[in-house]
Protein backbone atom coordinates (compact mmCIF):
# COMPACT_ATOMS: atom_id res chain seq x y z
CA MET A 1 0.00 0.00 0.00
CA ASN A 2 1.63 3.22 -1.11
CA HIS A 3 0.92 6.78 0.00
CA GLU A 4 -1.33 7.54 -2.99
CA MET A 5 -3.73 4.81 -1.96
CA ALA A 6 -3.80 6.07 1.62
CA ALA A 7 -4.37 9.66 0.44
CA ALA A 8 -7.30 8.52 -1.70
CA VAL A 9 -8.96 6.64 1.16
CA LEU A 10 -8.28 9.23 3.89
CA PRO A 11 -11.33 11.48 3.22
CA LEU A 12 -13.64 8.47 3.20
CA PHE A 13 -12.10 7.15 6.41
CA LEU A 14 -12.38 10.51 8.16
CA SER A 15 -16.02 11.02 7.24
CA THR A 16 -17.43 7.51 7.68
CA VAL A 17 -15.35 5.87 10.41
CA LEU A 18 -14.36 8.86 12.53
CA GLY A 19 -17.35 11.06 11.70
CA ALA A 20 -15.11 14.07 11.18
CA PRO A 21 -16.40 17.11 9.28
CA ALA A 22 -15.11 17.97 5.83
CA PHE A 23 -12.73 20.69 7.00
CA ALA A 24 -10.78 18.15 9.08
CA LEU A 25 -9.01 16.92 5.96
CA GLY A 26 -8.09 20.50 5.09
CA VAL A 27 -6.66 21.03 8.54
CA ILE A 28 -4.63 17.82 8.30
CA GLU A 29 -3.30 18.72 4.85
CA GLY A 30 -2.55 22.30 5.96
CA VAL A 31 -0.54 21.10 8.94
CA ALA A 32 1.34 18.61 6.78
CA PHE A 33 2.12 21.24 4.14
CA SER A 34 3.29 23.73 6.76
CA LYS A 35 5.54 21.14 8.38
CA ARG A 36 7.01 20.12 5.01
CA ALA A 37 7.68 23.76 4.10
CA ARG A 38 9.41 24.43 7.42
CA LEU A 39 11.57 21.34 7.06
CA ASN A 40 12.52 22.30 3.50
CA LEU A 41 13.50 25.77 4.65
CA GLY A 42 15.46 24.41 7.58
CA PHE A 43 17.38 21.93 5.45
CA ALA A 44 18.05 24.59 2.83
CA LEU A 45 19.47 26.96 5.44
CA PHE A 46 21.48 24.15 7.00
CA SER A 47 22.98 23.06 3.69
CA ALA A 48 23.71 26.66 2.69
CA GLY A 49 25.53 27.12 5.98
CA LEU A 50 27.56 23.98 5.40
CA LEU A 51 28.44 25.07 1.88
CA TYR A 52 29.50 28.47 3.21
CA LEU A 53 31.71 26.88 5.84
CA LEU A 54 33.25 24.45 3.38
CA ARG A 55 33.86 27.13 0.79
CA PHE A 56 35.46 29.72 3.05
CA SER A 57 37.12 27.70 5.78
CA LYS A 58 39.66 25.86 3.61
CA PRO A 59 41.41 28.96 2.20
CA ALA A 60 41.58 30.43 5.70
CA THR A 61 43.23 27.34 7.14
CA GLY A 62 45.56 27.08 4.16
CA ASN A 63 46.68 30.69 4.48
CA GLY A 64 47.06 30.31 8.23
CA SER A 65 49.37 27.35 7.87
CA THR A 66 51.63 29.18 5.37
CA VAL A 67 51.87 32.18 7.69
CA LYS A 68 52.89 29.93 10.59
CA GLU A 69 55.60 28.32 8.47
CA THR A 70 57.12 31.64 7.39
CA LEU A 71 57.15 33.21 10.87
CA PRO A 72 60.20 32.49 13.05
């Protein structure tokens, strides 16, 4: 059973088995979309920070090691 089958049956399950009103599915989907958007933003910021650190930390350490070698 994949997620498309569960998504197709969810409105029927909510209305018949649980007796939930129609807006309950909208609330569930809204919460899921909001959570997915926040996670995407968080991972994007995290990966951008890692790329920034990887890009700019190596030249700094390389230059620092050459300065140490030339100083008495």
